[in-house]
Amino acid sequence: DARGMACPGPLLSLIGAIRQGQVGDVIEVLSSDAGSKTDIPAWVAKAKHEMVRVAEEAGYARFVIRKAR
C-alpha cells in the first residue's frame, strides 16, 4: 500500500517487491500519486513484466503486476 507516498515512492516499492518475489508472483500496488499512472506501466513494460490489471478506485489506482522473469 503506497497510498500517500509521493513519486517515486510507489514505483520504488514495486521494484523492491519484484526483486524479492519469484517468477509468477502477483504484486498489487495501491497508489494515490498521479505520476504512478504513467510511471508504473512504463516501468513494467520496460522491465518485461506483465501488467495484469489497472483499476481506478476512489482516490487511488490499483496496479496488479505479475513477475515474468
C-alpha atoms as a PDB file:
ATOM      1  CA  ASP A   1       0.000   0.000   0.000  1.00  0.00           C
ATOM      2  CA  ALA A   2       1.814   3.086  -1.281  1.00  0.00           C
ATOM      3  CA  ARG A   3      -1.103   5.494  -0.899  1.00  0.00           C
ATOM      4  CA  GLY A   4       0.099   8.843   0.376  1.00  0.00           C
ATOM      5  CA  MET A   5       3.641   8.318  -0.944  1.00  0.00           C
ATOM      6  CA  ALA A   6       4.967  10.879  -3.404  1.00  0.00           C
ATOM      7  CA  CYS A   7       6.629   9.859  -6.645  1.00  0.00           C
ATOM      8  CA  PRO A   8       8.872   7.840  -6.978  1.00  0.00           C
ATOM      9  CA  GLY A   9       7.858   6.050  -3.747  1.00  0.00           C
ATOM     10  CA  PRO A  10       5.167   3.751  -5.214  1.00  0.00           C
ATOM     11  CA  LEU A  11       7.441   2.729  -8.098  1.00  0.00           C
ATOM     12  CA  LEU A  12      10.361   2.043  -5.747  1.00  0.00           C
ATOM     13  CA  SER A  13       8.056  -0.074  -3.571  1.00  0.00           C
ATOM     14  CA  LEU A  14       7.061  -2.090  -6.637  1.00  0.00           C
ATOM     15  CA  ILE A  15      10.675  -2.563  -7.730  1.00  0.00           C
ATOM     16  CA  GLY A  16      11.610  -3.804  -4.253  1.00  0.00           C
ATOM     17  CA  ALA A  17       8.713  -6.272  -4.209  1.00  0.00           C
ATOM     18  CA  ILE A  18       9.593  -7.537  -7.698  1.00  0.00           C
ATOM     19  CA  ARG A  19      13.216  -8.114  -6.654  1.00  0.00           C
ATOM     20  CA  GLN A  20      12.130 -10.124  -3.599  1.00  0.00           C
ATOM     21  CA  GLY A  21       9.478 -12.127  -5.432  1.00  0.00           C
ATOM     22  CA  GLN A  22       9.624 -15.275  -7.513  1.00  0.00           C
ATOM     23  CA  VAL A  23       8.707 -15.590 -11.190  1.00  0.00           C
ATOM     24  CA  GLY A  24       4.920 -15.853 -11.412  1.00  0.00           C
ATOM     25  CA  ASP A  25       4.250 -13.875  -8.211  1.00  0.00           C
ATOM     26  CA  VAL A  26       1.459 -11.331  -8.448  1.00  0.00           C
ATOM     27  CA  ILE A  27       2.101  -7.984  -6.769  1.00  0.00           C
ATOM     28  CA  GLU A  28      -0.510  -5.335  -6.104  1.00  0.00           C
ATOM     29  CA  VAL A  29       0.376  -1.662  -5.679  1.00  0.00           C
ATOM     30  CA  LEU A  30      -2.112   0.912  -4.406  1.00  0.00           C
ATOM     31  CA  SER A  31      -1.060   4.466  -5.245  1.00  0.00           C
ATOM     32  CA  SER A  32      -2.693   7.855  -4.828  1.00  0.00           C
ATOM     33  CA  ASP A  33       0.177   9.588  -6.677  1.00  0.00           C
ATOM     34  CA  ALA A  34      -0.902  10.803 -10.134  1.00  0.00           C
ATOM     35  CA  GLY A  35       2.557  10.101 -11.604  1.00  0.00           C
ATOM     36  CA  SER A  36       2.166   6.395 -10.899  1.00  0.00           C
ATOM     37  CA  LYS A  37      -0.447   6.138 -13.646  1.00  0.00           C
ATOM     38  CA  THR A  38       2.303   6.597 -16.224  1.00  0.00           C
ATOM     39  CA  ASP A  39       5.446   5.592 -14.291  1.00  0.00           C
ATOM     40  CA  ILE A  40       4.355   2.135 -13.147  1.00  0.00           C
ATOM     41  CA  PRO A  41       3.022   0.877 -16.524  1.00  0.00           C
ATOM     42  CA  ALA A  42       6.109   2.267 -18.300  1.00  0.00           C
ATOM     43  CA  TRP A  43       8.496   0.533 -15.878  1.00  0.00           C
ATOM     44  CA  VAL A  44       6.553  -2.766 -16.039  1.00  0.00           C
ATOM     45  CA  ALA A  45       6.795  -2.761 -19.847  1.00  0.00           C
ATOM     46  CA  LYS A  46      10.483  -1.781 -19.831  1.00  0.00           C
ATOM     47  CA  ALA A  47      11.340  -4.454 -17.248  1.00  0.00           C
ATOM     48  CA  LYS A  48       9.331  -7.021 -19.256  1.00  0.00           C
ATOM     49  CA  HIS A  49       6.887  -7.992 -16.539  1.00  0.00           C
ATOM     50  CA  GLU A  50       3.127  -8.377 -17.067  1.00  0.00           C
ATOM     51  CA  MET A  51       0.565  -5.710 -16.183  1.00  0.00           C
ATOM     52  CA  VAL A  52      -2.432  -7.820 -15.204  1.00  0.00           C
ATOM     53  CA  ARG A  53      -4.805  -5.000 -14.368  1.00  0.00           C
ATOM     54  CA  VAL A  54      -5.043  -1.285 -13.618  1.00  0.00           C
ATOM     55  CA  ALA A  55      -8.165  -0.143 -11.807  1.00  0.00           C
ATOM     56  CA  GLU A  56      -9.212   3.329 -10.738  1.00  0.00           C
ATOM     57  CA  GLU A  57     -10.545   3.277  -7.194  1.00  0.00           C
ATOM     58  CA  ALA A  58     -11.876   6.151  -5.055  1.00  0.00           C
ATOM     59  CA  GLY A  59      -8.842   8.431  -4.745  1.00  0.00           C
ATOM     60  CA  TYR A  60      -6.182   5.950  -5.863  1.00  0.00           C
ATOM     61  CA  ALA A  61      -5.171   3.471  -8.554  1.00  0.00           C
ATOM     62  CA  ARG A  62      -4.713  -0.270  -8.085  1.00  0.00           C
ATOM     63  CA  PHE A  63      -1.961  -1.876 -10.195  1.00  0.00           C
ATOM     64  CA  VAL A  64      -1.695  -5.671 -10.422  1.00  0.00           C
ATOM     65  CA  ILE A  65       1.611  -6.918 -11.830  1.00  0.00           C
ATOM     66  CA  ARG A  66       2.904 -10.465 -12.460  1.00  0.00           C
ATOM     67  CA  LYS A  67       6.654 -11.018 -12.207  1.00  0.00           C
ATOM     68  CA  ALA A  68       7.637 -12.526 -15.561  1.00  0.00           C
ATOM     69  CA  ARG A  69      11.393 -13.026 -15.228  1.00  0.00           C
END
